[in-house]
Every structure is written in C-alpha cells, then in structure tokens.
Amino acid sequence: MKVITDERLVIKNLKNIRFAFAFQTLALVGIVIYDGITKGFNNITNNPIWLVLILTSVILGYLNLSISVDSYENEKRIRKMPYYLLVLCCLAAGVIFGLLTKITSNSSLADSIIIGSVIFLCFLGTFSFGYFLIKKRSKDDEE
C-alpha cells in the first residue's frame, strides 16, 4: 500500500475515517439504547458495548486535548500556574463531590471517600496531562 502524499487526498481520507467513526458510534449507541429498552435501563452498564463507548469517548477526549492546547496557545499566551495549585484545585473538587455525595444520598462515609477520591484522580489526571503538555510545548517554543 502506497503512502498518500497529496494533501487533498489525506484530508479526504481523514473525513472518511471521521464519518465511519461517527456511524460506528451512533450504531453502538443505538444498540445500547435498544438493550436498555428491552432489558431495562439499569442493565445498560452491564453491556460490554457500554464500556467500549465510555473508553472511546475518554480516548477521543485525551487526543483532542492536544489539539485544544495548540489552538489555545495560538490565540493567546497561557498564564502559567504552579502545579501545586492545580493539585489543590483538584483536591477541592474531590472533597466537594465527596461531601455532596454524603449530604445528598445519605451514603456511608467510605462511599463518599471513594467517590471523592475517584473525582480527585480523574481531575488530576486530566489537568496534569494538559499542564505537562502545555509545559512541554512552551519549552519547545523557547528552544
């Protein structure tokens, strides 16, 4: 198979891949909704297709994050924030979600701590990835 070097064909190929991905995602969502209607909406998360949809959206979000960082950097210079403030903000989000879980659902303290910890780790992972991506790009621009 030859490597495509014509930019028009590369863009057309990417558009075709995007269309196929959108069709596949809509088909999977349709299958999950059908499964939810026939077996009950509580059983949607038991379907392995649900896991595929969630993982696909997470991966797509992380891949689009680098594009977002590039477009944001081109619009204006990013104010650099110390990393410890980023960790503290993520910790605050985890604590807030943990407290809201405890207050609103009358769940146990262990459940609230687990939910707060998961939220903290999710925020920390996402924001750390973006922070180090921005740091790497700004270091590459300085060199």
N, C-alpha and C. Protein backbone atom coordinates (compact mmCIF):
# COMPACT_ATOMS: atom_id res chain seq x y z
N MET A 1 0.85 -1.18 0.00
CA MET A 1 0.00 0.00 0.00
C MET A 1 0.89 1.23 0.00
N LYS A 2 0.59 2.16 -0.89
CA LYS A 2 1.40 3.38 -1.01
C LYS A 2 0.98 4.41 0.03
N VAL A 3 1.93 5.19 0.47
CA VAL A 3 1.65 6.27 1.40
C VAL A 3 1.11 7.45 0.60
N ILE A 4 0.00 8.02 1.08
CA ILE A 4 -0.62 9.15 0.39
C ILE A 4 0.15 10.41 0.74
N THR A 5 0.60 11.12 -0.29
CA THR A 5 1.35 12.35 -0.05
C THR A 5 0.56 13.59 -0.46
N ASP A 6 -0.47 13.43 -1.29
CA ASP A 6 -1.29 14.56 -1.72
C ASP A 6 -2.17 15.01 -0.55
N GLU A 7 -2.08 16.29 -0.20
CA GLU A 7 -2.82 16.81 0.96
C GLU A 7 -4.32 16.71 0.78
N ARG A 8 -4.81 16.90 -0.44
CA ARG A 8 -6.25 16.78 -0.70
C ARG A 8 -6.75 15.38 -0.36
N LEU A 9 -5.96 14.38 -0.77
CA LEU A 9 -6.37 13.00 -0.52
C LEU A 9 -6.24 12.64 0.96
N VAL A 10 -5.26 13.19 1.62
CA VAL A 10 -5.11 12.95 3.06
C VAL A 10 -6.31 13.51 3.82
N ILE A 11 -6.71 14.73 3.47
CA ILE A 11 -7.87 15.34 4.13
C ILE A 11 -9.13 14.56 3.82
N LYS A 12 -9.31 14.12 2.58
CA LYS A 12 -10.46 13.31 2.20
C LYS A 12 -10.47 12.00 2.98
N ASN A 13 -9.31 11.39 3.13
CA ASN A 13 -9.20 10.14 3.88
C ASN A 13 -9.57 10.36 5.35
N LEU A 14 -9.12 11.45 5.93
CA LEU A 14 -9.46 11.76 7.32
C LEU A 14 -10.96 12.01 7.48
N LYS A 15 -11.57 12.67 6.50
CA LYS A 15 -13.02 12.89 6.56
C LYS A 15 -13.77 11.57 6.46
N ASN A 16 -13.27 10.65 5.63
CA ASN A 16 -13.90 9.34 5.53
C ASN A 16 -13.79 8.57 6.84
N ILE A 17 -12.64 8.64 7.48
CA ILE A 17 -12.45 7.98 8.77
C ILE A 17 -13.37 8.59 9.83
N ARG A 18 -13.50 9.90 9.81
CA ARG A 18 -14.38 10.59 10.76
C ARG A 18 -15.83 10.15 10.56
N PHE A 19 -16.26 10.04 9.29
CA PHE A 19 -17.63 9.60 9.01
C PHE A 19 -17.84 8.16 9.49
N ALA A 20 -16.89 7.29 9.24
CA ALA A 20 -17.01 5.90 9.67
C ALA A 20 -17.05 5.80 11.20
N PHE A 21 -16.23 6.61 11.86
CA PHE A 21 -16.22 6.62 13.32
C PHE A 21 -17.56 7.10 13.88
N ALA A 22 -18.11 8.16 13.27
CA ALA A 22 -19.41 8.68 13.72
C ALA A 22 -20.51 7.65 13.50
N PHE A 23 -20.50 6.98 12.36
CA PHE A 23 -21.50 5.95 12.08
C PHE A 23 -21.39 4.80 13.07
N GLN A 24 -20.16 4.37 13.33
CA GLN A 24 -19.95 3.26 14.27
C GLN A 24 -20.41 3.64 15.67
N THR A 25 -20.10 4.86 16.10
CA THR A 25 -20.51 5.30 17.43
C THR A 25 -22.03 5.39 17.54
N LEU A 26 -22.67 5.93 16.52
CA LEU A 26 -24.13 6.01 16.54
C LEU A 26 -24.76 4.62 16.55
N ALA A 27 -24.17 3.67 15.82
CA ALA A 27 -24.68 2.30 15.83
C ALA A 27 -24.53 1.68 17.21
N LEU A 28 -23.40 1.89 17.86
CA LEU A 28 -23.20 1.35 19.19
C LEU A 28 -24.16 1.97 20.20
N VAL A 29 -24.39 3.28 20.08
CA VAL A 29 -25.35 3.95 20.96
C VAL A 29 -26.74 3.38 20.73
N GLY A 30 -27.09 3.13 19.47
CA GLY A 30 -28.38 2.53 19.16
C GLY A 30 -28.53 1.16 19.77
N ILE A 31 -27.48 0.35 19.71
CA ILE A 31 -27.52 -0.99 20.31
C ILE A 31 -27.69 -0.90 21.82
N VAL A 32 -26.98 0.02 22.45
CA VAL A 32 -27.09 0.18 23.91
C VAL A 32 -28.48 0.67 24.29
N ILE A 33 -29.03 1.61 23.53
CA ILE A 33 -30.39 2.09 23.83
C ILE A 33 -31.41 0.98 23.63
N TYR A 34 -31.27 0.21 22.55
CA TYR A 34 -32.18 -0.92 22.33
C TYR A 34 -32.09 -1.93 23.48
N ASP A 35 -30.87 -2.21 23.90
CA ASP A 35 -30.67 -3.11 25.02
C ASP A 35 -31.32 -2.55 26.29
N GLY A 36 -31.22 -1.23 26.46
CA GLY A 36 -31.84 -0.60 27.63
C GLY A 36 -33.35 -0.66 27.59
N ILE A 37 -33.93 -0.52 26.39
CA ILE A 37 -35.38 -0.56 26.28
C ILE A 37 -35.90 -1.98 26.51
N THR A 38 -35.20 -2.96 25.94
CA THR A 38 -35.70 -4.33 26.05
C THR A 38 -35.39 -4.98 27.39
N LYS A 39 -34.24 -4.68 27.96
CA LYS A 39 -33.84 -5.35 29.21
C LYS A 39 -33.91 -4.45 30.43
N GLY A 40 -34.23 -3.19 30.22
CA GLY A 40 -34.29 -2.24 31.33
C GLY A 40 -33.05 -1.36 31.35
N PHE A 41 -33.27 -0.10 31.69
CA PHE A 41 -32.17 0.86 31.64
C PHE A 41 -31.11 0.62 32.71
N ASN A 42 -31.45 -0.13 33.73
CA ASN A 42 -30.45 -0.45 34.76
C ASN A 42 -29.41 -1.43 34.24
N ASN A 43 -29.72 -2.17 33.20
CA ASN A 43 -28.79 -3.17 32.66
C ASN A 43 -27.89 -2.61 31.57
N ILE A 44 -28.01 -1.34 31.25
CA ILE A 44 -27.18 -0.75 30.19
C ILE A 44 -25.70 -0.86 30.55
N THR A 45 -25.36 -0.58 31.78
CA THR A 45 -23.95 -0.59 32.17
C THR A 45 -23.37 -1.99 32.26
N ASN A 46 -24.21 -3.02 32.22
CA ASN A 46 -23.70 -4.39 32.21
C ASN A 46 -23.25 -4.84 30.83
N ASN A 47 -23.64 -4.10 29.81
CA ASN A 47 -23.30 -4.44 28.44
C ASN A 47 -21.85 -4.03 28.15
N PRO A 48 -21.04 -4.92 27.55
CA PRO A 48 -19.65 -4.54 27.25
C PRO A 48 -19.54 -3.41 26.22
N ILE A 49 -20.58 -3.22 25.42
CA ILE A 49 -20.55 -2.12 24.45
C ILE A 49 -20.54 -0.79 25.19
N TRP A 50 -21.18 -0.73 26.34
CA TRP A 50 -21.16 0.49 27.17
C TRP A 50 -19.73 0.85 27.54
N LEU A 51 -18.95 -0.14 27.95
CA LEU A 51 -17.55 0.10 28.30
C LEU A 51 -16.76 0.60 27.09
N VAL A 52 -17.04 0.02 25.91
CA VAL A 52 -16.36 0.46 24.69
C VAL A 52 -16.69 1.93 24.40
N LEU A 53 -17.96 2.31 24.55
CA LEU A 53 -18.35 3.70 24.31
C LEU A 53 -17.68 4.65 25.29
N ILE A 54 -17.63 4.28 26.55
CA ILE A 54 -17.02 5.14 27.55
C ILE A 54 -15.52 5.28 27.29
N LEU A 55 -14.84 4.16 27.05
CA LEU A 55 -13.40 4.22 26.78
C LEU A 55 -13.09 4.99 25.50
N THR A 56 -13.92 4.83 24.48
CA THR A 56 -13.72 5.57 23.24
C THR A 56 -13.84 7.06 23.46
N SER A 57 -14.84 7.47 24.23
CA SER A 57 -15.00 8.90 24.48
C SER A 57 -13.86 9.46 25.33
N VAL A 58 -13.35 8.69 26.27
CA VAL A 58 -12.21 9.14 27.07
C VAL A 58 -10.97 9.28 26.20
N ILE A 59 -10.70 8.30 25.37
CA ILE A 59 -9.53 8.35 24.49
C ILE A 59 -9.65 9.51 23.51
N LEU A 60 -10.84 9.69 22.93
CA LEU A 60 -11.05 10.80 22.00
C LEU A 60 -10.86 12.14 22.70
N GLY A 61 -11.32 12.24 23.94
CA GLY A 61 -11.13 13.48 24.70
C GLY A 61 -9.66 13.78 24.94
N TYR A 62 -8.87 12.77 25.31
CA TYR A 62 -7.45 13.00 25.53
C TYR A 62 -6.72 13.32 24.22
N LEU A 63 -7.11 12.70 23.13
CA LEU A 63 -6.48 13.01 21.85
C LEU A 63 -6.83 14.42 21.39
N ASN A 64 -8.05 14.85 21.64
CA ASN A 64 -8.44 16.20 21.26
C ASN A 64 -7.86 17.26 22.18
N LEU A 65 -7.40 16.85 23.36
CA LEU A 65 -6.81 17.80 24.30
C LEU A 65 -5.55 18.43 23.73
N SER A 66 -4.73 17.67 23.04
CA SER A 66 -3.51 18.24 22.47
C SER A 66 -3.85 19.24 21.37
N ILE A 67 -4.93 18.98 20.62
CA ILE A 67 -5.35 19.94 19.59
C ILE A 67 -5.88 21.20 20.25
N SER A 68 -6.61 21.05 21.34
CA SER A 68 -7.15 22.21 22.05
C SER A 68 -6.03 23.06 22.63
N VAL A 69 -5.00 22.42 23.15
CA VAL A 69 -3.86 23.15 23.71
C VAL A 69 -3.18 23.95 22.61
N ASP A 70 -2.99 23.34 21.44
CA ASP A 70 -2.36 24.04 20.33
C ASP A 70 -3.18 25.23 19.88
N SER A 71 -4.49 25.07 19.74
CA SER A 71 -5.32 26.18 19.28
C SER A 71 -5.41 27.26 20.35
N TYR A 72 -5.43 26.88 21.61
CA TYR A 72 -5.49 27.87 22.69
C TYR A 72 -4.19 28.66 22.76
N GLU A 73 -3.07 27.96 22.56
CA GLU A 73 -1.77 28.65 22.61
C GLU A 73 -1.64 29.63 21.47
N ASN A 74 -2.22 29.32 20.32
CA ASN A 74 -2.13 30.22 19.18
C ASN A 74 -2.97 31.48 19.39
N GLU A 75 -4.08 31.38 20.13
CA GLU A 75 -4.93 32.53 20.35
C GLU A 75 -4.32 33.52 21.34
N LYS A 76 -3.80 33.03 22.44
CA LYS A 76 -3.18 33.91 23.42
C LYS A 76 -2.22 33.11 24.28
N ARG A 77 -1.34 33.80 24.91
CA ARG A 77 -0.36 33.14 25.76
C ARG A 77 -1.03 32.66 27.05
N ILE A 78 -0.68 31.50 27.47
CA ILE A 78 -1.28 30.90 28.65
C ILE A 78 -0.55 31.38 29.90
N ARG A 79 -1.32 31.79 30.88
CA ARG A 79 -0.74 32.21 32.15
C ARG A 79 -0.30 30.94 32.88
N LYS A 80 0.98 30.91 33.25
CA LYS A 80 1.50 29.70 33.90
C LYS A 80 1.06 29.67 35.36
N MET A 81 0.56 28.51 35.75
CA MET A 81 0.06 28.30 37.10
C MET A 81 0.95 27.26 37.76
N PRO A 82 1.34 27.48 39.00
CA PRO A 82 2.15 26.46 39.67
C PRO A 82 1.38 25.14 39.78
N TYR A 83 2.12 24.04 39.71
CA TYR A 83 1.48 22.73 39.70
C TYR A 83 0.79 22.43 41.02
N TYR A 84 1.32 22.93 42.13
CA TYR A 84 0.69 22.63 43.41
C TYR A 84 -0.70 23.26 43.51
N LEU A 85 -0.93 24.40 42.84
CA LEU A 85 -2.27 24.99 42.82
C LEU A 85 -3.23 24.12 42.03
N LEU A 86 -2.72 23.52 40.98
CA LEU A 86 -3.53 22.60 40.19
C LEU A 86 -3.96 21.40 41.03
N VAL A 87 -3.02 20.85 41.80
CA VAL A 87 -3.33 19.72 42.67
C VAL A 87 -4.34 20.13 43.74
N LEU A 88 -4.18 21.31 44.31
CA LEU A 88 -5.11 21.78 45.34
C LEU A 88 -6.51 21.99 44.78
N CYS A 89 -6.61 22.51 43.55
CA CYS A 89 -7.93 22.68 42.92
C CYS A 89 -8.59 21.32 42.67
N CYS A 90 -7.82 20.36 42.23
CA CYS A 90 -8.36 19.01 42.01
C CYS A 90 -8.79 18.38 43.33
N LEU A 91 -8.00 18.60 44.38
CA LEU A 91 -8.35 18.09 45.69
C LEU A 91 -9.64 18.73 46.19
N ALA A 92 -9.78 20.03 45.95
CA ALA A 92 -11.01 20.72 46.36
C ALA A 92 -12.22 20.15 45.63
N ALA A 93 -12.07 19.87 44.34
CA ALA A 93 -13.18 19.28 43.58
C ALA A 93 -13.54 17.91 44.14
N GLY A 94 -12.55 17.10 44.48
CA GLY A 94 -12.81 15.79 45.06
C GLY A 94 -13.51 15.88 46.40
N VAL A 95 -13.07 16.81 47.24
CA VAL A 95 -13.68 16.98 48.56
C VAL A 95 -15.12 17.47 48.40
N ILE A 96 -15.36 18.40 47.49
CA ILE A 96 -16.72 18.92 47.29
C ILE A 96 -17.65 17.81 46.81
N PHE A 97 -17.20 17.01 45.84
CA PHE A 97 -18.03 15.92 45.35
C PHE A 97 -18.26 14.86 46.44
N GLY A 98 -17.23 14.60 47.24
CA GLY A 98 -17.39 13.65 48.34
C GLY A 98 -18.41 14.14 49.35
N LEU A 99 -18.33 15.43 49.70
CA LEU A 99 -19.29 15.99 50.66
C LEU A 99 -20.70 16.01 50.08
N LEU A 100 -20.83 16.37 48.80
CA LEU A 100 -22.15 16.36 48.18
C LEU A 100 -22.75 14.96 48.15
N THR A 101 -21.91 13.97 47.92
CA THR A 101 -22.39 12.59 47.93
C THR A 101 -22.88 12.21 49.32
N LYS A 102 -22.13 12.58 50.34
CA LYS A 102 -22.51 12.25 51.72
C LYS A 102 -23.80 12.95 52.12
N ILE A 103 -23.92 14.21 51.74
CA ILE A 103 -25.08 15.01 52.15
C ILE A 103 -26.35 14.61 51.38
N THR A 104 -26.24 14.46 50.07
CA THR A 104 -27.44 14.28 49.25
C THR A 104 -27.96 12.85 49.20
N SER A 105 -27.08 11.86 49.28
CA SER A 105 -27.57 10.49 49.10
C SER A 105 -27.56 9.65 50.38
N ASN A 106 -27.19 10.24 51.48
CA ASN A 106 -27.12 9.52 52.76
C ASN A 106 -26.31 8.23 52.65
N SER A 107 -25.25 8.29 51.89
CA SER A 107 -24.39 7.11 51.75
C SER A 107 -23.39 7.07 52.90
N SER A 108 -22.68 5.96 52.97
CA SER A 108 -21.71 5.82 54.06
C SER A 108 -20.50 6.70 53.81
N LEU A 109 -19.71 6.87 54.85
CA LEU A 109 -18.51 7.68 54.75
C LEU A 109 -17.51 7.06 53.78
N ALA A 110 -17.42 5.74 53.77
CA ALA A 110 -16.49 5.05 52.86
C ALA A 110 -16.88 5.30 51.41
N ASP A 111 -18.19 5.27 51.09
CA ASP A 111 -18.63 5.54 49.73
C ASP A 111 -18.29 6.97 49.31
N SER A 112 -18.48 7.91 50.22
CA SER A 112 -18.18 9.31 49.93
C SER A 112 -16.68 9.51 49.70
N ILE A 113 -15.87 8.84 50.49
CA ILE A 113 -14.41 8.95 50.32
C ILE A 113 -13.99 8.34 48.99
N ILE A 114 -14.57 7.21 48.63
CA ILE A 114 -14.23 6.57 47.35
C ILE A 114 -14.64 7.47 46.18
N ILE A 115 -15.84 8.03 46.21
CA ILE A 115 -16.29 8.90 45.14
C ILE A 115 -15.42 10.16 45.06
N GLY A 116 -15.12 10.76 46.19
CA GLY A 116 -14.25 11.93 46.20
C GLY A 116 -12.87 11.63 45.68
N SER A 117 -12.33 10.46 46.03
CA SER A 117 -11.00 10.06 45.55
C SER A 117 -11.00 9.83 44.04
N VAL A 118 -12.04 9.19 43.54
CA VAL A 118 -12.11 8.95 42.10
C VAL A 118 -12.21 10.27 41.34
N ILE A 119 -13.05 11.19 41.83
CA ILE A 119 -13.18 12.50 41.19
C ILE A 119 -11.85 13.24 41.24
N PHE A 120 -11.16 13.20 42.38
CA PHE A 120 -9.85 13.84 42.51
C PHE A 120 -8.87 13.26 41.49
N LEU A 121 -8.80 11.94 41.38
CA LEU A 121 -7.85 11.32 40.46
C LEU A 121 -8.20 11.62 39.00
N CYS A 122 -9.49 11.65 38.69
CA CYS A 122 -9.90 11.98 37.31
C CYS A 122 -9.52 13.41 36.96
N PHE A 123 -9.82 14.34 37.85
CA PHE A 123 -9.45 15.74 37.60
C PHE A 123 -7.94 15.88 37.53
N LEU A 124 -7.23 15.24 38.46
CA LEU A 124 -5.78 15.36 38.50
C LEU A 124 -5.14 14.79 37.24
N GLY A 125 -5.61 13.65 36.79
CA GLY A 125 -5.06 13.05 35.58
C GLY A 125 -5.26 13.92 34.36
N THR A 126 -6.46 14.44 34.20
CA THR A 126 -6.77 15.27 33.04
C THR A 126 -5.99 16.58 33.08
N PHE A 127 -6.04 17.27 34.19
CA PHE A 127 -5.36 18.56 34.28
C PHE A 127 -3.85 18.41 34.27
N SER A 128 -3.32 17.33 34.84
CA SER A 128 -1.87 17.11 34.79
C SER A 128 -1.42 16.86 33.35
N PHE A 129 -2.20 16.08 32.61
CA PHE A 129 -1.88 15.83 31.21
C PHE A 129 -1.83 17.14 30.44
N GLY A 130 -2.85 17.98 30.62
CA GLY A 130 -2.87 19.28 29.95
C GLY A 130 -1.75 20.19 30.41
N TYR A 131 -1.45 20.20 31.70
CA TYR A 131 -0.40 21.05 32.25
C TYR A 131 0.97 20.68 31.67
N PHE A 132 1.28 19.37 31.68
CA PHE A 132 2.59 18.96 31.18
C PHE A 132 2.67 19.08 29.65
N LEU A 133 1.53 18.97 28.97
CA LEU A 133 1.52 19.19 27.53
C LEU A 133 1.81 20.65 27.21
N ILE A 134 1.18 21.55 27.95
CA ILE A 134 1.44 22.98 27.76
C ILE A 134 2.88 23.31 28.12
N LYS A 135 3.37 22.74 29.22
CA LYS A 135 4.76 22.98 29.64
C LYS A 135 5.74 22.50 28.59
N LYS A 136 5.48 21.32 28.03
CA LYS A 136 6.36 20.77 27.00
C LYS A 136 6.33 21.64 25.75
N ARG A 137 5.14 22.07 25.36
CA ARG A 137 5.03 22.90 24.15
C ARG A 137 5.71 24.25 24.34
N SER A 138 5.56 24.85 25.52
CA SER A 138 6.19 26.15 25.76
C SER A 138 7.71 26.00 25.82
N LYS A 139 8.20 24.86 26.35
CA LYS A 139 9.64 24.62 26.39
C LYS A 139 10.18 24.43 24.97
N ASP A 140 9.40 23.73 24.12
CA ASP A 140 9.81 23.53 22.72
C ASP A 140 9.81 24.86 21.96
N ASP A 141 8.86 25.75 22.28
CA ASP A 141 8.81 27.05 21.60
C ASP A 141 9.98 27.93 22.00
N GLU A 142 10.45 27.81 23.25
CA GLU A 142 11.58 28.63 23.71
C GLU A 142 12.87 28.20 23.08
N GLU A 143 13.00 26.92 22.73
CA GLU A 143 14.25 26.41 22.15
C GLU A 143 14.32 26.69 20.71
